[in-house]
N, C-alpha and C. Protein backbone atom coordinates (compact mmCIF):
# COMPACT_ATOMS: atom_id res chain seq x y z
N MET A 1 190.62 -27.02 -11.67
CA MET A 1 190.23 -28.35 -11.27
C MET A 1 191.10 -28.80 -10.09
N SER A 2 190.51 -29.34 -9.07
CA SER A 2 191.22 -29.78 -7.88
C SER A 2 191.90 -31.12 -8.11
N LEU A 3 192.99 -31.31 -7.39
CA LEU A 3 193.65 -32.61 -7.40
C LEU A 3 192.76 -33.63 -6.73
N PRO A 4 192.86 -34.89 -7.14
CA PRO A 4 192.06 -35.93 -6.48
C PRO A 4 192.44 -36.06 -5.01
N LEU A 5 191.48 -36.38 -4.19
CA LEU A 5 191.72 -36.70 -2.79
C LEU A 5 192.14 -38.16 -2.74
N GLU A 6 193.32 -38.43 -2.20
CA GLU A 6 193.81 -39.80 -2.14
C GLU A 6 193.69 -40.34 -0.72
N ILE A 7 192.96 -41.43 -0.58
CA ILE A 7 192.77 -42.10 0.71
C ILE A 7 193.25 -43.53 0.55
N VAL A 8 194.21 -43.92 1.40
CA VAL A 8 194.78 -45.26 1.35
C VAL A 8 194.65 -45.89 2.74
N LEU A 9 194.03 -47.03 2.80
CA LEU A 9 193.89 -47.75 4.07
C LEU A 9 194.87 -48.90 4.10
N CYS A 10 195.57 -49.04 5.24
CA CYS A 10 196.45 -50.18 5.42
C CYS A 10 195.55 -51.40 5.63
N MET A 11 195.76 -52.42 4.83
CA MET A 11 194.97 -53.64 4.94
C MET A 11 195.84 -54.82 5.35
N GLY A 12 197.00 -54.52 5.94
CA GLY A 12 197.82 -55.57 6.52
C GLY A 12 197.02 -56.24 7.63
N SER A 13 197.42 -57.43 8.02
CA SER A 13 196.60 -58.21 8.97
C SER A 13 196.35 -57.48 10.28
N SER A 14 197.31 -56.75 10.80
CA SER A 14 197.13 -56.05 12.08
C SER A 14 196.12 -54.92 11.94
N CYS A 15 196.29 -54.06 10.96
CA CYS A 15 195.36 -52.94 10.77
C CYS A 15 193.96 -53.43 10.40
N PHE A 16 193.91 -54.48 9.58
CA PHE A 16 192.62 -55.04 9.18
C PHE A 16 191.87 -55.54 10.41
N SER A 17 192.57 -56.30 11.26
CA SER A 17 191.90 -56.87 12.44
C SER A 17 191.61 -55.81 13.50
N ARG A 18 192.35 -54.74 13.50
CA ARG A 18 192.13 -53.66 14.47
C ARG A 18 191.04 -52.69 14.04
N GLY A 19 190.53 -52.83 12.84
CA GLY A 19 189.38 -52.01 12.49
C GLY A 19 189.37 -51.33 11.14
N ASN A 20 190.36 -51.54 10.29
CA ASN A 20 190.31 -50.82 9.02
C ASN A 20 189.21 -51.33 8.09
N VAL A 21 188.72 -52.52 8.31
CA VAL A 21 187.57 -52.96 7.53
C VAL A 21 186.35 -52.09 7.88
N ALA A 22 186.16 -51.76 9.15
CA ALA A 22 185.07 -50.86 9.56
C ALA A 22 185.35 -49.43 9.11
N ASN A 23 186.61 -49.02 9.13
CA ASN A 23 186.96 -47.68 8.66
C ASN A 23 186.67 -47.53 7.17
N LEU A 24 186.96 -48.57 6.40
CA LEU A 24 186.68 -48.54 4.96
C LEU A 24 185.19 -48.33 4.73
N GLU A 25 184.36 -49.07 5.44
CA GLU A 25 182.91 -48.93 5.28
C GLU A 25 182.45 -47.53 5.70
N ALA A 26 182.99 -47.01 6.79
CA ALA A 26 182.62 -45.67 7.26
C ALA A 26 183.00 -44.61 6.24
N ILE A 27 184.18 -44.74 5.65
CA ILE A 27 184.63 -43.78 4.64
C ILE A 27 183.76 -43.87 3.40
N ARG A 28 183.49 -45.07 2.93
CA ARG A 28 182.61 -45.24 1.75
C ARG A 28 181.24 -44.63 2.00
N ARG A 29 180.68 -44.93 3.16
CA ARG A 29 179.35 -44.41 3.50
C ARG A 29 179.36 -42.88 3.56
N HIS A 30 180.37 -42.33 4.22
CA HIS A 30 180.45 -40.88 4.37
C HIS A 30 180.59 -40.19 3.01
N LEU A 31 181.42 -40.74 2.14
CA LEU A 31 181.58 -40.14 0.81
C LEU A 31 180.31 -40.26 -0.01
N ALA A 32 179.58 -41.35 0.16
CA ALA A 32 178.32 -41.53 -0.58
C ALA A 32 177.25 -40.54 -0.13
N GLU A 33 177.33 -40.13 1.13
CA GLU A 33 176.35 -39.18 1.67
C GLU A 33 176.66 -37.73 1.33
N ARG A 34 177.86 -37.47 0.84
CA ARG A 34 178.31 -36.12 0.54
C ARG A 34 178.42 -35.92 -0.96
N GLU A 35 178.25 -34.69 -1.38
CA GLU A 35 178.53 -34.34 -2.77
C GLU A 35 179.92 -33.74 -2.80
N VAL A 36 180.88 -34.54 -3.19
CA VAL A 36 182.28 -34.12 -3.20
C VAL A 36 182.60 -33.59 -4.59
N PRO A 37 183.05 -32.33 -4.68
CA PRO A 37 183.26 -31.71 -6.00
C PRO A 37 184.60 -32.03 -6.65
N PHE A 38 185.21 -33.14 -6.29
CA PHE A 38 186.45 -33.55 -6.91
C PHE A 38 186.55 -35.07 -6.84
N GLU A 39 187.49 -35.62 -7.59
CA GLU A 39 187.68 -37.06 -7.63
C GLU A 39 188.28 -37.55 -6.31
N VAL A 40 187.85 -38.74 -5.89
CA VAL A 40 188.40 -39.37 -4.69
C VAL A 40 188.96 -40.73 -5.09
N SER A 41 190.21 -40.95 -4.74
CA SER A 41 190.86 -42.25 -4.96
C SER A 41 190.89 -42.96 -3.62
N LEU A 42 190.21 -44.09 -3.52
CA LEU A 42 190.14 -44.87 -2.29
C LEU A 42 190.69 -46.25 -2.59
N ARG A 43 191.78 -46.61 -1.91
CA ARG A 43 192.38 -47.91 -2.18
C ARG A 43 193.02 -48.48 -0.92
N GLY A 44 193.34 -49.74 -0.98
CA GLY A 44 194.02 -50.41 0.11
C GLY A 44 195.49 -50.58 -0.19
N HIS A 45 196.27 -50.79 0.85
CA HIS A 45 197.71 -50.99 0.73
C HIS A 45 198.11 -52.02 1.76
N LEU A 46 199.11 -52.80 1.46
CA LEU A 46 199.59 -53.79 2.42
C LEU A 46 200.65 -53.17 3.32
N CYS A 47 200.48 -53.27 4.56
CA CYS A 47 201.37 -52.90 5.66
C CYS A 47 202.18 -51.62 5.48
N GLU A 48 201.95 -50.70 6.39
CA GLU A 48 202.71 -49.46 6.47
C GLU A 48 203.92 -49.62 7.38
N GLY A 49 204.07 -50.80 8.02
CA GLY A 49 205.22 -51.08 8.85
C GLY A 49 205.17 -50.47 10.24
N ARG A 50 204.02 -50.00 10.65
CA ARG A 50 203.86 -49.41 11.98
C ARG A 50 202.68 -50.07 12.67
N CYS A 51 202.69 -51.36 12.72
CA CYS A 51 201.55 -52.15 13.16
C CYS A 51 201.06 -51.79 14.56
N ASN A 52 201.96 -51.44 15.46
CA ASN A 52 201.54 -51.14 16.83
C ASN A 52 200.78 -49.83 16.94
N GLU A 53 200.74 -49.03 15.88
CA GLU A 53 200.02 -47.75 15.89
C GLU A 53 198.76 -47.79 15.03
N GLY A 54 198.37 -48.96 14.57
CA GLY A 54 197.25 -49.08 13.64
C GLY A 54 195.92 -49.08 14.32
N PRO A 55 194.85 -49.03 13.58
CA PRO A 55 194.82 -49.05 12.12
C PRO A 55 195.19 -47.70 11.50
N HIS A 56 195.84 -47.77 10.34
CA HIS A 56 196.33 -46.58 9.66
C HIS A 56 195.47 -46.21 8.45
N VAL A 57 195.33 -44.90 8.26
CA VAL A 57 194.70 -44.35 7.07
C VAL A 57 195.61 -43.23 6.58
N LEU A 58 195.97 -43.29 5.34
CA LEU A 58 196.82 -42.28 4.71
C LEU A 58 195.91 -41.37 3.88
N VAL A 59 195.91 -40.09 4.18
CA VAL A 59 195.06 -39.13 3.46
C VAL A 59 195.96 -38.05 2.88
N ASP A 60 195.95 -37.96 1.55
CA ASP A 60 196.79 -36.99 0.85
C ASP A 60 198.23 -37.01 1.35
N GLY A 61 198.76 -38.21 1.55
CA GLY A 61 200.15 -38.36 1.92
C GLY A 61 200.45 -38.24 3.41
N ARG A 62 199.45 -37.97 4.22
CA ARG A 62 199.66 -37.86 5.67
C ARG A 62 199.11 -39.10 6.36
N LEU A 63 199.97 -39.75 7.13
CA LEU A 63 199.61 -40.98 7.80
C LEU A 63 198.93 -40.68 9.14
N HIS A 64 197.78 -41.31 9.36
CA HIS A 64 197.01 -41.16 10.60
C HIS A 64 196.90 -42.53 11.24
N GLY A 65 197.26 -42.63 12.52
CA GLY A 65 197.23 -43.90 13.22
C GLY A 65 196.11 -43.97 14.23
N ARG A 66 195.80 -45.20 14.64
CA ARG A 66 194.75 -45.48 15.63
C ARG A 66 193.41 -44.86 15.21
N VAL A 67 193.10 -45.00 13.94
CA VAL A 67 191.87 -44.42 13.39
C VAL A 67 190.68 -45.32 13.70
N THR A 68 189.60 -44.71 14.16
CA THR A 68 188.33 -45.39 14.41
C THR A 68 187.35 -44.96 13.32
N PRO A 69 186.21 -45.63 13.16
CA PRO A 69 185.23 -45.17 12.18
C PRO A 69 184.80 -43.71 12.42
N ALA A 70 184.55 -43.34 13.66
CA ALA A 70 184.19 -41.95 13.95
C ALA A 70 185.34 -41.01 13.62
N GLY A 71 186.56 -41.44 13.93
CA GLY A 71 187.73 -40.64 13.61
C GLY A 71 187.93 -40.50 12.11
N ALA A 72 187.63 -41.55 11.36
CA ALA A 72 187.75 -41.50 9.90
C ALA A 72 186.78 -40.48 9.33
N ARG A 73 185.55 -40.47 9.85
CA ARG A 73 184.56 -39.48 9.38
C ARG A 73 185.00 -38.06 9.72
N ALA A 74 185.52 -37.85 10.94
CA ALA A 74 185.99 -36.53 11.36
C ALA A 74 187.18 -36.09 10.50
N LEU A 75 188.07 -37.01 10.21
CA LEU A 75 189.21 -36.72 9.36
C LEU A 75 188.75 -36.29 7.97
N LEU A 76 187.81 -37.02 7.41
CA LEU A 76 187.27 -36.64 6.10
C LEU A 76 186.63 -35.26 6.14
N GLU A 77 185.85 -34.98 7.17
CA GLU A 77 185.22 -33.67 7.28
C GLU A 77 186.26 -32.56 7.32
N ARG A 78 187.33 -32.77 8.07
CA ARG A 78 188.39 -31.77 8.16
C ARG A 78 189.04 -31.56 6.79
N VAL A 79 189.36 -32.65 6.11
CA VAL A 79 190.02 -32.54 4.79
C VAL A 79 189.08 -31.89 3.79
N LEU A 80 187.81 -32.28 3.80
CA LEU A 80 186.85 -31.68 2.87
C LEU A 80 186.70 -30.18 3.14
N ALA A 81 186.68 -29.79 4.40
CA ALA A 81 186.58 -28.37 4.75
C ALA A 81 187.82 -27.61 4.28
N GLU A 82 189.00 -28.21 4.45
CA GLU A 82 190.24 -27.58 4.00
C GLU A 82 190.23 -27.38 2.49
N ARG A 83 189.57 -28.28 1.78
CA ARG A 83 189.50 -28.19 0.31
C ARG A 83 188.30 -27.37 -0.15
N GLY A 84 187.54 -26.81 0.78
CA GLY A 84 186.40 -25.98 0.43
C GLY A 84 185.18 -26.74 0.00
N ALA A 85 185.07 -28.00 0.42
CA ALA A 85 183.93 -28.83 0.02
C ALA A 85 182.98 -29.08 1.17
N ALA A 86 183.13 -28.37 2.27
CA ALA A 86 182.27 -28.62 3.44
C ALA A 86 180.92 -27.97 3.30
């Protein structure tokens, strides 16, 4: 059994206003369109403390900055492929 995929979006005011609300919707939509063979934990977090590099998305413990909705989908595809779910 695979470990859950953990996705955490910074929802501090800077990341939220810079686009993490759109990234959240893009990630939800992308996951709904895919059959993912493992559990996915999707949650928000308040401020990663790197506001000038936001919006941030943390995937399996790796922080990604300046994420766009298209970038969020590409990031998910890469992670899913690495886990053999592509």
